[in-house]
């Protein structure tokens, strides 16, 4: 019985030592390096819009920015294992924030931070160019809207002057018409019979009638012009109001830019990642006991078979 116990302890102890040694040799804690940026925004149609979609930026980081930064790391003499870790960097987006993660050996943590900084510099540089382009477009839109608004203001002033002239001409035309009508009414009614037997109005009477007809046509034309001008002025004033609102929005948009900024500088997270040695040692202890039981069962069956 004593020999069985010694055998069990020997097999279990030896197995545990070997597994523990393998754990400490081959399983090393890994460091997580993280960084984060907030994508810049601009105002459009009263809403805040990102300069670039954070989801698209997160997809472009491993596809575009990581290879460029990796080439620089390779020139700087980074080890192959470190380059492989850099190659496996990932990016996620949460709202306007995009985070970058890289799991590396603790000895390469500083290199990973420099690697992240290269990626961030590329992103901030390109986002700055996009922001500058959008800012210039907003400023140009403001200038164009101001020019159009000034032109509409001038049209409104011109129509105002035209209406003032029409307001002065209409009373004059009406007064002249009334005077001609009074003159026509004061003429004696004559019914003359000419030798030829034709009943014709005198040339003077006919001239008065044509003159009154002309004034009536003039009044109609002036009234029509005034009505059309009033309608056009109303339309222009409505357009001026809409242009004023659009100009205000454009001016706000010009000043409402937020540049892409770093919200988390490249930093090594305090907690290591990967498999923990303590958990592996517990697994090694359980495995050692199971192996010892298996070894005893094998020895017992071997002895029984040969006895």
C-alpha atoms as a PDB file:
ATOM      1  CA  UNK A   1       0.000   0.000   0.000  1.00  0.00           C
ATOM      2  CA  UNK A   2       2.880   2.318   0.856  1.00  0.00           C
ATOM      3  CA  UNK A   3       4.490   1.634  -2.491  1.00  0.00           C
ATOM      4  CA  UNK A   4       1.256   2.515  -4.272  1.00  0.00           C
ATOM      5  CA  UNK A   5       1.076   5.827  -2.454  1.00  0.00           C
ATOM      6  CA  UNK A   6       4.701   6.587  -3.225  1.00  0.00           C
ATOM      7  CA  UNK A   7       4.180   5.737  -6.878  1.00  0.00           C
ATOM      8  CA  UNK A   8       1.087   7.945  -7.013  1.00  0.00           C
ATOM      9  CA  UNK A   9       2.892  10.862  -5.390  1.00  0.00           C
ATOM     10  CA  UNK A  10       5.961  10.383  -7.606  1.00  0.00           C
ATOM     11  CA  UNK A  11       3.945  10.325 -10.841  1.00  0.00           C
ATOM     12  CA  UNK A  12       1.673  13.198  -9.780  1.00  0.00           C
ATOM     13  CA  UNK A  13       4.570  15.316  -8.511  1.00  0.00           C
ATOM     14  CA  UNK A  14       6.748  14.705 -11.550  1.00  0.00           C
ATOM     15  CA  UNK A  15       3.898  15.451 -13.935  1.00  0.00           C
ATOM     16  CA  UNK A  16       2.969  18.644 -12.070  1.00  0.00           C
ATOM     17  CA  UNK A  17       6.572  19.871 -12.059  1.00  0.00           C
ATOM     18  CA  UNK A  18       6.916  19.262 -15.778  1.00  0.00           C
ATOM     19  CA  UNK A  19       3.606  20.965 -16.585  1.00  0.00           C
ATOM     20  CA  UNK A  20       4.402  23.899 -14.267  1.00  0.00           C
ATOM     21  CA  UNK A  21       7.827  24.315 -15.853  1.00  0.00           C
ATOM     22  CA  UNK A  22       6.247  24.288 -19.327  1.00  0.00           C
ATOM     23  CA  UNK A  23       3.705  26.875 -18.139  1.00  0.00           C
ATOM     24  CA  UNK A  24       6.398  29.261 -16.898  1.00  0.00           C
ATOM     25  CA  UNK A  25       8.574  28.734 -19.966  1.00  0.00           C
ATOM     26  CA  UNK A  26       6.032  28.874 -22.744  1.00  0.00           C
ATOM     27  CA  UNK A  27       3.167  30.898 -21.303  1.00  0.00           C
ATOM     28  CA  UNK A  28       4.096  34.539 -20.801  1.00  0.00           C
ATOM     29  CA  UNK A  29       1.728  37.393 -19.908  1.00  0.00           C
ATOM     30  CA  UNK A  30       0.906  39.719 -22.790  1.00  0.00           C
ATOM     31  CA  UNK A  31       0.401  43.468 -22.712  1.00  0.00           C
ATOM     32  CA  UNK A  32      -2.560  45.265 -24.253  1.00  0.00           C
ATOM     33  CA  UNK A  33      -1.772  48.632 -25.852  1.00  0.00           C
ATOM     34  CA  UNK A  34      -4.774  50.830 -26.561  1.00  0.00           C
ATOM     35  CA  UNK A  35      -5.408  54.245 -28.074  1.00  0.00           C
ATOM     36  CA  UNK A  36      -8.527  56.095 -29.168  1.00  0.00           C
ATOM     37  CA  UNK A  37      -9.509  59.077 -31.304  1.00  0.00           C
ATOM     38  CA  UNK A  38     -12.745  61.015 -31.719  1.00  0.00           C
ATOM     39  CA  UNK A  39     -13.723  61.670 -35.332  1.00  0.00           C
ATOM     40  CA  UNK A  40     -14.272  65.356 -36.114  1.00  0.00           C
ATOM     41  CA  UNK A  41     -17.720  66.675 -37.017  1.00  0.00           C
ATOM     42  CA  UNK A  42     -19.333  69.524 -38.940  1.00  0.00           C
ATOM     43  CA  UNK A  43     -22.828  70.971 -39.066  1.00  0.00           C
ATOM     44  CA  UNK A  44     -25.005  70.204 -42.080  1.00  0.00           C
ATOM     45  CA  UNK A  45     -28.708  70.934 -42.425  1.00  0.00           C
ATOM     46  CA  UNK A  46     -28.913  71.611 -38.707  1.00  0.00           C
ATOM     47  CA  UNK A  47     -27.372  68.241 -37.795  1.00  0.00           C
ATOM     48  CA  UNK A  48     -23.928  67.261 -36.601  1.00  0.00           C
ATOM     49  CA  UNK A  49     -22.293  64.970 -39.158  1.00  0.00           C
ATOM     50  CA  UNK A  50     -18.940  63.150 -38.884  1.00  0.00           C
ATOM     51  CA  UNK A  51     -16.191  64.141 -41.299  1.00  0.00           C
ATOM     52  CA  UNK A  52     -15.783  60.404 -41.918  1.00  0.00           C
ATOM     53  CA  UNK A  53     -17.951  57.516 -40.812  1.00  0.00           C
ATOM     54  CA  UNK A  54     -16.370  56.035 -37.641  1.00  0.00           C
ATOM     55  CA  UNK A  55     -17.395  52.541 -38.787  1.00  0.00           C
ATOM     56  CA  UNK A  56     -15.617  52.998 -42.111  1.00  0.00           C
ATOM     57  CA  UNK A  57     -12.553  54.433 -40.383  1.00  0.00           C
ATOM     58  CA  UNK A  58     -12.412  51.412 -38.052  1.00  0.00           C
ATOM     59  CA  UNK A  59     -12.420  49.137 -41.122  1.00  0.00           C
ATOM     60  CA  UNK A  60      -9.743  51.196 -42.883  1.00  0.00           C
ATOM     61  CA  UNK A  61      -7.304  51.109 -39.957  1.00  0.00           C
ATOM     62  CA  UNK A  62      -6.211  47.443 -40.338  1.00  0.00           C
ATOM     63  CA  UNK A  63      -6.514  47.631 -44.123  1.00  0.00           C
ATOM     64  CA  UNK A  64      -4.729  50.944 -44.792  1.00  0.00           C
ATOM     65  CA  UNK A  65      -3.059  52.539 -41.786  1.00  0.00           C
ATOM     66  CA  UNK A  66      -1.629  49.409 -40.106  1.00  0.00           C
ATOM     67  CA  UNK A  67       0.397  48.311 -43.178  1.00  0.00           C
ATOM     68  CA  UNK A  68       1.867  51.810 -43.560  1.00  0.00           C
ATOM     69  CA  UNK A  69       2.857  51.987 -39.883  1.00  0.00           C
ATOM     70  CA  UNK A  70       4.124  48.393 -40.034  1.00  0.00           C
ATOM     71  CA  UNK A  71       6.487  49.291 -42.865  1.00  0.00           C
ATOM     72  CA  UNK A  72       7.985  52.021 -40.675  1.00  0.00           C
ATOM     73  CA  UNK A  73       8.316  49.608 -37.730  1.00  0.00           C
ATOM     74  CA  UNK A  74      10.105  47.110 -39.969  1.00  0.00           C
ATOM     75  CA  UNK A  75      12.583  49.791 -41.083  1.00  0.00           C
ATOM     76  CA  UNK A  76      13.196  50.640 -37.436  1.00  0.00           C
ATOM     77  CA  UNK A  77      14.268  47.037 -36.767  1.00  0.00           C
ATOM     78  CA  UNK A  78      11.220  45.557 -35.018  1.00  0.00           C
ATOM     79  CA  UNK A  79      11.447  41.813 -34.417  1.00  0.00           C
ATOM     80  CA  UNK A  80       9.407  39.435 -36.532  1.00  0.00           C
ATOM     81  CA  UNK A  81       7.223  38.368 -33.604  1.00  0.00           C
ATOM     82  CA  UNK A  82       6.531  42.020 -32.806  1.00  0.00           C
ATOM     83  CA  UNK A  83       5.635  42.724 -36.428  1.00  0.00           C
ATOM     84  CA  UNK A  84       3.209  39.793 -36.371  1.00  0.00           C
ATOM     85  CA  UNK A  85       1.570  41.243 -33.261  1.00  0.00           C
ATOM     86  CA  UNK A  86       1.320  44.639 -34.959  1.00  0.00           C
ATOM     87  CA  UNK A  87      -0.212  42.989 -38.007  1.00  0.00           C
ATOM     88  CA  UNK A  88      -2.991  41.560 -35.812  1.00  0.00           C
ATOM     89  CA  UNK A  89      -3.995  44.965 -34.455  1.00  0.00           C
ATOM     90  CA  UNK A  90      -7.750  45.611 -34.398  1.00  0.00           C
ATOM     91  CA  UNK A  91     -10.019  48.657 -34.336  1.00  0.00           C
ATOM     92  CA  UNK A  92     -13.561  49.224 -33.094  1.00  0.00           C
ATOM     93  CA  UNK A  93     -15.966  52.159 -33.263  1.00  0.00           C
ATOM     94  CA  UNK A  94     -18.318  53.312 -30.513  1.00  0.00           C
ATOM     95  CA  UNK A  95     -20.268  56.419 -31.463  1.00  0.00           C
ATOM     96  CA  UNK A  96     -17.794  59.006 -32.719  1.00  0.00           C
ATOM     97  CA  UNK A  97     -14.842  57.263 -31.023  1.00  0.00           C
ATOM     98  CA  UNK A  98     -12.549  54.747 -32.728  1.00  0.00           C
ATOM     99  CA  UNK A  99     -10.263  52.638 -30.541  1.00  0.00           C
ATOM    100  CA  UNK A 100      -7.173  50.670 -31.591  1.00  0.00           C
ATOM    101  CA  UNK A 101      -5.879  47.590 -29.741  1.00  0.00           C
ATOM    102  CA  UNK A 102      -2.640  45.638 -30.058  1.00  0.00           C
ATOM    103  CA  UNK A 103      -1.572  42.656 -27.921  1.00  0.00           C
ATOM    104  CA  UNK A 104       2.234  42.372 -27.671  1.00  0.00           C
ATOM    105  CA  UNK A 105       5.005  40.995 -25.523  1.00  0.00           C
ATOM    106  CA  UNK A 106       5.636  43.323 -22.555  1.00  0.00           C
ATOM    107  CA  UNK A 107       9.165  43.955 -23.841  1.00  0.00           C
ATOM    108  CA  UNK A 108       7.698  45.439 -27.051  1.00  0.00           C
ATOM    109  CA  UNK A 109       5.136  47.668 -25.323  1.00  0.00           C
ATOM    110  CA  UNK A 110       7.000  50.900 -26.070  1.00  0.00           C
ATOM    111  CA  UNK A 111       7.365  49.908 -29.708  1.00  0.00           C
ATOM    112  CA  UNK A 112       3.635  49.225 -29.823  1.00  0.00           C
ATOM    113  CA  UNK A 113       2.911  52.688 -28.409  1.00  0.00           C
ATOM    114  CA  UNK A 114       5.093  54.237 -31.118  1.00  0.00           C
ATOM    115  CA  UNK A 115       3.282  52.043 -33.669  1.00  0.00           C
ATOM    116  CA  UNK A 116      -0.081  53.368 -32.475  1.00  0.00           C
ATOM    117  CA  UNK A 117       1.191  56.940 -32.616  1.00  0.00           C
ATOM    118  CA  UNK A 118       2.157  56.468 -36.271  1.00  0.00           C
ATOM    119  CA  UNK A 119      -1.366  55.266 -37.053  1.00  0.00           C
ATOM    120  CA  UNK A 120      -2.931  58.172 -35.169  1.00  0.00           C
ATOM    121  CA  UNK A 121      -0.690  60.683 -36.941  1.00  0.00           C
ATOM    122  CA  UNK A 122      -1.807  59.323 -40.311  1.00  0.00           C
ATOM    123  CA  UNK A 123      -5.483  59.482 -39.359  1.00  0.00           C
ATOM    124  CA  UNK A 124      -5.315  62.966 -37.860  1.00  0.00           C
ATOM    125  CA  UNK A 125      -3.407  64.224 -40.917  1.00  0.00           C
ATOM    126  CA  UNK A 126      -5.930  62.867 -43.412  1.00  0.00           C
ATOM    127  CA  UNK A 127      -8.921  63.913 -41.313  1.00  0.00           C
ATOM    128  CA  UNK A 128      -7.399  67.392 -41.094  1.00  0.00           C
ATOM    129  CA  UNK A 129      -7.292  67.584 -44.893  1.00  0.00           C
ATOM    130  CA  UNK A 130     -10.925  66.478 -45.125  1.00  0.00           C
ATOM    131  CA  UNK A 131     -11.893  68.965 -42.440  1.00  0.00           C
ATOM    132  CA  UNK A 132     -10.099  71.762 -44.284  1.00  0.00           C
ATOM    133  CA  UNK A 133     -11.874  70.898 -47.534  1.00  0.00           C
ATOM    134  CA  UNK A 134     -15.299  70.844 -45.843  1.00  0.00           C
ATOM    135  CA  UNK A 135     -14.493  74.081 -44.010  1.00  0.00           C
ATOM    136  CA  UNK A 136     -13.540  75.800 -47.281  1.00  0.00           C
ATOM    137  CA  UNK A 137     -16.731  74.516 -48.915  1.00  0.00           C
ATOM    138  CA  UNK A 138     -18.802  75.901 -46.019  1.00  0.00           C
ATOM    139  CA  UNK A 139     -17.031  79.264 -46.236  1.00  0.00           C
ATOM    140  CA  UNK A 140     -17.597  79.385 -50.017  1.00  0.00           C
ATOM    141  CA  UNK A 141     -21.272  78.538 -49.519  1.00  0.00           C
ATOM    142  CA  UNK A 142     -21.541  81.387 -47.019  1.00  0.00           C
ATOM    143  CA  UNK A 143     -20.012  83.841 -49.505  1.00  0.00           C
ATOM    144  CA  UNK A 144     -22.295  82.684 -52.331  1.00  0.00           C
ATOM    145  CA  UNK A 145     -25.394  82.895 -50.153  1.00  0.00           C
ATOM    146  CA  UNK A 146     -24.378  86.396 -49.057  1.00  0.00           C
ATOM    147  CA  UNK A 147     -23.965  87.489 -52.680  1.00  0.00           C
ATOM    148  CA  UNK A 148     -27.334  86.005 -53.664  1.00  0.00           C
ATOM    149  CA  UNK A 149     -28.970  87.604 -50.625  1.00  0.00           C
ATOM    150  CA  UNK A 150     -27.497  91.000 -51.515  1.00  0.00           C
ATOM    151  CA  UNK A 151     -28.802  90.610 -55.078  1.00  0.00           C
ATOM    152  CA  UNK A 152     -32.288  89.789 -53.802  1.00  0.00           C
ATOM    153  CA  UNK A 153     -32.163  92.813 -51.480  1.00  0.00           C
ATOM    154  CA  UNK A 154     -31.319  94.994 -54.476  1.00  0.00           C
ATOM    155  CA  UNK A 155     -34.219  93.499 -56.456  1.00  0.00           C
ATOM    156  CA  UNK A 156     -36.559  94.196 -53.543  1.00  0.00           C
ATOM    157  CA  UNK A 157     -35.365  97.810 -53.425  1.00  0.00           C
ATOM    158  CA  UNK A 158     -35.892  98.170 -57.196  1.00  0.00           C
ATOM    159  CA  UNK A 159     -39.403  96.720 -56.969  1.00  0.00           C
ATOM    160  CA  UNK A 160     -40.131  99.069 -54.066  1.00  0.00           C
ATOM    161  CA  UNK A 161     -39.182 102.049 -56.193  1.00  0.00           C
ATOM    162  CA  UNK A 162     -41.268 100.722 -59.088  1.00  0.00           C
ATOM    163  CA  UNK A 163     -44.315 100.352 -56.846  1.00  0.00           C
ATOM    164  CA  UNK A 164     -43.786 103.874 -55.544  1.00  0.00           C
ATOM    165  CA  UNK A 165     -43.831 105.182 -59.123  1.00  0.00           C
ATOM    166  CA  UNK A 166     -46.920 103.131 -59.938  1.00  0.00           C
ATOM    167  CA  UNK A 167     -48.612 104.393 -56.786  1.00  0.00           C
ATOM    168  CA  UNK A 168     -47.939 107.914 -58.057  1.00  0.00           C
ATOM    169  CA  UNK A 169     -49.044 107.254 -61.635  1.00  0.00           C
ATOM    170  CA  UNK A 170     -52.326 105.541 -60.801  1.00  0.00           C
ATOM    171  CA  UNK A 171     -53.894 108.549 -58.983  1.00  0.00           C
ATOM    172  CA  UNK A 172     -52.734 110.837 -61.783  1.00  0.00           C
ATOM    173  CA  UNK A 173     -54.270 108.577 -64.433  1.00  0.00           C
ATOM    174  CA  UNK A 174     -57.497 108.262 -62.451  1.00  0.00           C
ATOM    175  CA  UNK A 175     -57.695 112.058 -62.013  1.00  0.00           C
ATOM    176  CA  UNK A 176     -57.107 112.621 -65.737  1.00  0.00           C
ATOM    177  CA  UNK A 177     -59.783 110.034 -66.563  1.00  0.00           C
ATOM    178  CA  UNK A 178     -62.320 111.682 -64.279  1.00  0.00           C
ATOM    179  CA  UNK A 179     -61.517 115.091 -65.807  1.00  0.00           C
ATOM    180  CA  UNK A 180     -62.089 113.776 -69.331  1.00  0.00           C
ATOM    181  CA  UNK A 181     -65.302 112.074 -68.274  1.00  0.00           C
ATOM    182  CA  UNK A 182     -66.555 115.333 -66.748  1.00  0.00           C
ATOM    183  CA  UNK A 183     -65.648 117.223 -69.900  1.00  0.00           C
ATOM    184  CA  UNK A 184     -67.511 114.698 -71.976  1.00  0.00           C
ATOM    185  CA  UNK A 185     -70.561 114.880 -69.703  1.00  0.00           C
ATOM    186  CA  UNK A 186     -70.709 118.674 -69.886  1.00  0.00           C
ATOM    187  CA  UNK A 187     -70.912 118.751 -73.692  1.00  0.00           C
ATOM    188  CA  UNK A 188     -74.465 119.597 -74.999  1.00  0.00           C
ATOM    189  CA  UNK A 189     -76.315 116.688 -76.399  1.00  0.00           C
ATOM    190  CA  UNK A 190     -76.822 117.326 -80.054  1.00  0.00           C
ATOM    191  CA  UNK A 191     -78.683 115.362 -82.562  1.00  0.00           C
ATOM    192  CA  UNK A 192     -77.899 116.718 -85.974  1.00  0.00           C
ATOM    193  CA  UNK A 193     -79.060 115.416 -89.207  1.00  0.00           C
ATOM    194  CA  UNK A 194     -76.655 115.909 -92.062  1.00  0.00           C
ATOM    195  CA  UNK A 195     -77.661 116.406 -95.600  1.00  0.00           C
ATOM    196  CA  UNK A 196     -76.468 113.005 -96.610  1.00  0.00           C
ATOM    197  CA  UNK A 197     -78.760 111.473 -93.906  1.00  0.00           C
ATOM    198  CA  UNK A 198     -75.854 109.975 -91.887  1.00  0.00           C
ATOM    199  CA  UNK A 199     -75.875 110.235 -88.059  1.00  0.00           C
ATOM    200  CA  UNK A 200     -72.241 110.753 -87.073  1.00  0.00           C
ATOM    201  CA  UNK A 201     -70.621 112.084 -83.881  1.00  0.00           C
ATOM    202  CA  UNK A 202     -68.645 115.206 -84.233  1.00  0.00           C
ATOM    203  CA  UNK A 203     -64.840 114.794 -84.595  1.00  0.00           C
ATOM    204  CA  UNK A 204     -64.353 116.460 -81.204  1.00  0.00           C
ATOM    205  CA  UNK A 205     -66.714 114.061 -79.453  1.00  0.00           C
ATOM    206  CA  UNK A 206     -65.070 111.086 -81.112  1.00  0.00           C
ATOM    207  CA  UNK A 207     -61.648 112.294 -79.978  1.00  0.00           C
ATOM    208  CA  UNK A 208     -62.862 112.608 -76.367  1.00  0.00           C
ATOM    209  CA  UNK A 209     -64.158 109.077 -76.462  1.00  0.00           C
ATOM    210  CA  UNK A 210     -60.886 107.674 -77.800  1.00  0.00           C
ATOM    211  CA  UNK A 211     -58.961 109.636 -75.170  1.00  0.00           C
ATOM    212  CA  UNK A 212     -61.104 108.209 -72.365  1.00  0.00           C
ATOM    213  CA  UNK A 213     -60.676 104.722 -73.813  1.00  0.00           C
ATOM    214  CA  UNK A 214     -56.933 105.261 -73.834  1.00  0.00           C
ATOM    215  CA  UNK A 215     -56.962 106.342 -70.173  1.00  0.00           C
ATOM    216  CA  UNK A 216     -59.019 103.298 -69.267  1.00  0.00           C
ATOM    217  CA  UNK A 217     -56.512 101.025 -70.986  1.00  0.00           C
ATOM    218  CA  UNK A 218     -53.666 102.841 -69.259  1.00  0.00           C
ATOM    219  CA  UNK A 219     -55.342 102.401 -65.867  1.00  0.00           C
ATOM    220  CA  UNK A 220     -55.861  98.705 -66.581  1.00  0.00           C
ATOM    221  CA  UNK A 221     -52.224  98.271 -67.590  1.00  0.00           C
ATOM    222  CA  UNK A 222     -50.957 100.200 -64.554  1.00  0.00           C
ATOM    223  CA  UNK A 223     -53.193  98.201 -62.196  1.00  0.00           C
ATOM    224  CA  UNK A 224     -52.012  94.935 -63.753  1.00  0.00           C
ATOM    225  CA  UNK A 225     -48.373  95.994 -63.484  1.00  0.00           C
ATOM    226  CA  UNK A 226     -48.865  96.993 -59.860  1.00  0.00           C
ATOM    227  CA  UNK A 227     -50.524  93.680 -58.976  1.00  0.00           C
ATOM    228  CA  UNK A 228     -47.760  91.692 -60.710  1.00  0.00           C
ATOM    229  CA  UNK A 229     -45.051  93.794 -59.063  1.00  0.00           C
ATOM    230  CA  UNK A 230     -46.679  93.316 -55.644  1.00  0.00           C
ATOM    231  CA  UNK A 231     -46.757  89.547 -56.217  1.00  0.00           C
ATOM    232  CA  UNK A 232     -43.116  89.502 -57.357  1.00  0.00           C
ATOM    233  CA  UNK A 233     -42.138  91.578 -54.331  1.00  0.00           C
ATOM    234  CA  UNK A 234     -43.883  89.121 -52.006  1.00  0.00           C
ATOM    235  CA  UNK A 235     -42.035  86.219 -53.651  1.00  0.00           C
ATOM    236  CA  UNK A 236     -38.711  88.054 -53.359  1.00  0.00           C
ATOM    237  CA  UNK A 237     -39.293  88.810 -49.688  1.00  0.00           C
ATOM    238  CA  UNK A 238     -40.066  85.142 -49.004  1.00  0.00           C
ATOM    239  CA  UNK A 239     -36.890  84.170 -50.853  1.00  0.00           C
ATOM    240  CA  UNK A 240     -34.928  86.723 -48.857  1.00  0.00           C
ATOM    241  CA  UNK A 241     -36.219  85.205 -45.619  1.00  0.00           C
ATOM    242  CA  UNK A 242     -35.252  81.680 -46.710  1.00  0.00           C
ATOM    243  CA  UNK A 243     -31.848  82.941 -47.844  1.00  0.00           C
ATOM    244  CA  UNK A 244     -31.356  84.678 -44.502  1.00  0.00           C
ATOM    245  CA  UNK A 245     -32.074  81.397 -42.686  1.00  0.00           C
ATOM    246  CA  UNK A 246     -29.748  79.451 -45.009  1.00  0.00           C
ATOM    247  CA  UNK A 247     -27.046  82.091 -44.570  1.00  0.00           C
ATOM    248  CA  UNK A 248     -27.364  81.854 -40.786  1.00  0.00           C
ATOM    249  CA  UNK A 249     -27.042  78.062 -40.972  1.00  0.00           C
ATOM    250  CA  UNK A 250     -23.998  78.375 -43.246  1.00  0.00           C
ATOM    251  CA  UNK A 251     -22.351  80.825 -40.849  1.00  0.00           C
ATOM    252  CA  UNK A 252     -23.046  78.500 -37.921  1.00  0.00           C
ATOM    253  CA  UNK A 253     -21.677  75.551 -39.934  1.00  0.00           C
ATOM    254  CA  UNK A 254     -18.494  77.492 -40.661  1.00  0.00           C
ATOM    255  CA  UNK A 255     -17.900  77.955 -36.937  1.00  0.00           C
ATOM    256  CA  UNK A 256     -19.270  74.585 -35.737  1.00  0.00           C
ATOM    257  CA  UNK A 257     -16.344  72.433 -36.830  1.00  0.00           C
ATOM    258  CA  UNK A 258     -14.801  69.926 -34.433  1.00  0.00           C
ATOM    259  CA  UNK A 259     -11.424  68.581 -35.442  1.00  0.00           C
ATOM    260  CA  UNK A 260     -10.458  64.943 -35.039  1.00  0.00           C
ATOM    261  CA  UNK A 261      -8.718  64.623 -31.691  1.00  0.00           C
ATOM    262  CA  UNK A 262      -6.952  62.035 -29.554  1.00  0.00           C
ATOM    263  CA  UNK A 263      -9.104  60.940 -26.641  1.00  0.00           C
ATOM    264  CA  UNK A 264      -6.706  58.248 -25.391  1.00  0.00           C
ATOM    265  CA  UNK A 265      -2.986  58.506 -26.118  1.00  0.00           C
ATOM    266  CA  UNK A 266      -1.249  55.157 -26.756  1.00  0.00           C
ATOM    267  CA  UNK A 267      -1.124  53.485 -23.371  1.00  0.00           C
ATOM    268  CA  UNK A 268      -0.314  50.065 -21.920  1.00  0.00           C
ATOM    269  CA  UNK A 269      -3.278  48.702 -19.993  1.00  0.00           C
ATOM    270  CA  UNK A 270      -2.439  47.787 -16.369  1.00  0.00           C
ATOM    271  CA  UNK A 271      -3.950  44.309 -16.582  1.00  0.00           C
ATOM    272  CA  UNK A 272      -2.108  41.711 -18.697  1.00  0.00           C
ATOM    273  CA  UNK A 273      -4.072  39.706 -21.240  1.00  0.00           C
ATOM    274  CA  UNK A 274      -3.996  36.112 -22.349  1.00  0.00           C
ATOM    275  CA  UNK A 275      -3.998  32.896 -20.299  1.00  0.00           C
ATOM    276  CA  UNK A 276      -3.195  33.394 -16.594  1.00  0.00           C
ATOM    277  CA  UNK A 277      -0.493  31.227 -15.057  1.00  0.00           C
ATOM    278  CA  UNK A 278      -2.437  30.540 -11.871  1.00  0.00           C
ATOM    279  CA  UNK A 279      -5.337  29.051 -13.819  1.00  0.00           C
ATOM    280  CA  UNK A 280      -2.924  26.954 -15.835  1.00  0.00           C
ATOM    281  CA  UNK A 281      -1.213  25.710 -12.659  1.00  0.00           C
ATOM    282  CA  UNK A 282      -4.577  24.602 -11.261  1.00  0.00           C
ATOM    283  CA  UNK A 283      -5.272  22.768 -14.514  1.00  0.00           C
ATOM    284  CA  UNK A 284      -1.772  21.237 -14.310  1.00  0.00           C
ATOM    285  CA  UNK A 285      -2.437  20.004 -10.746  1.00  0.00           C
ATOM    286  CA  UNK A 286      -5.721  18.368 -11.754  1.00  0.00           C
ATOM    287  CA  UNK A 287      -4.111  16.845 -14.822  1.00  0.00           C
ATOM    288  CA  UNK A 288      -1.237  15.507 -12.709  1.00  0.00           C
ATOM    289  CA  UNK A 289      -3.659  13.738 -10.354  1.00  0.00           C
ATOM    290  CA  UNK A 290      -5.570  12.217 -13.253  1.00  0.00           C
ATOM    291  CA  UNK A 291      -2.354  11.060 -14.919  1.00  0.00           C
ATOM    292  CA  UNK A 292      -1.183   9.537 -11.619  1.00  0.00           C
ATOM    293  CA  UNK A 293      -4.453   7.611 -11.260  1.00  0.00           C
ATOM    294  CA  UNK A 294      -4.139   6.475 -14.846  1.00  0.00           C
ATOM    295  CA  UNK A 295      -0.552   5.342 -14.258  1.00  0.00           C
ATOM    296  CA  UNK A 296      -1.592   3.341 -11.165  1.00  0.00           C
ATOM    297  CA  UNK A 297      -4.451   1.706 -13.061  1.00  0.00           C
ATOM    298  CA  UNK A 298      -2.071   0.785 -15.886  1.00  0.00           C
ATOM    299  CA  UNK A 299       0.502  -0.668 -13.460  1.00  0.00           C
ATOM    300  CA  UNK A 300      -2.184  -2.616 -11.612  1.00  0.00           C
ATOM    301  CA  UNK A 301      -3.531  -4.148 -14.815  1.00  0.00           C
ATOM    302  CA  UNK A 302       0.022  -4.933 -15.959  1.00  0.00           C
ATOM    303  CA  UNK A 303       0.839  -6.739 -12.663  1.00  0.00           C
ATOM    304  CA  UNK A 304      -2.418  -8.685 -12.686  1.00  0.00           C
ATOM    305  CA  UNK A 305      -1.842  -9.795 -16.271  1.00  0.00           C
ATOM    306  CA  UNK A 306       1.712 -11.049 -15.574  1.00  0.00           C
ATOM    307  CA  UNK A 307       0.952 -12.754 -12.235  1.00  0.00           C
END
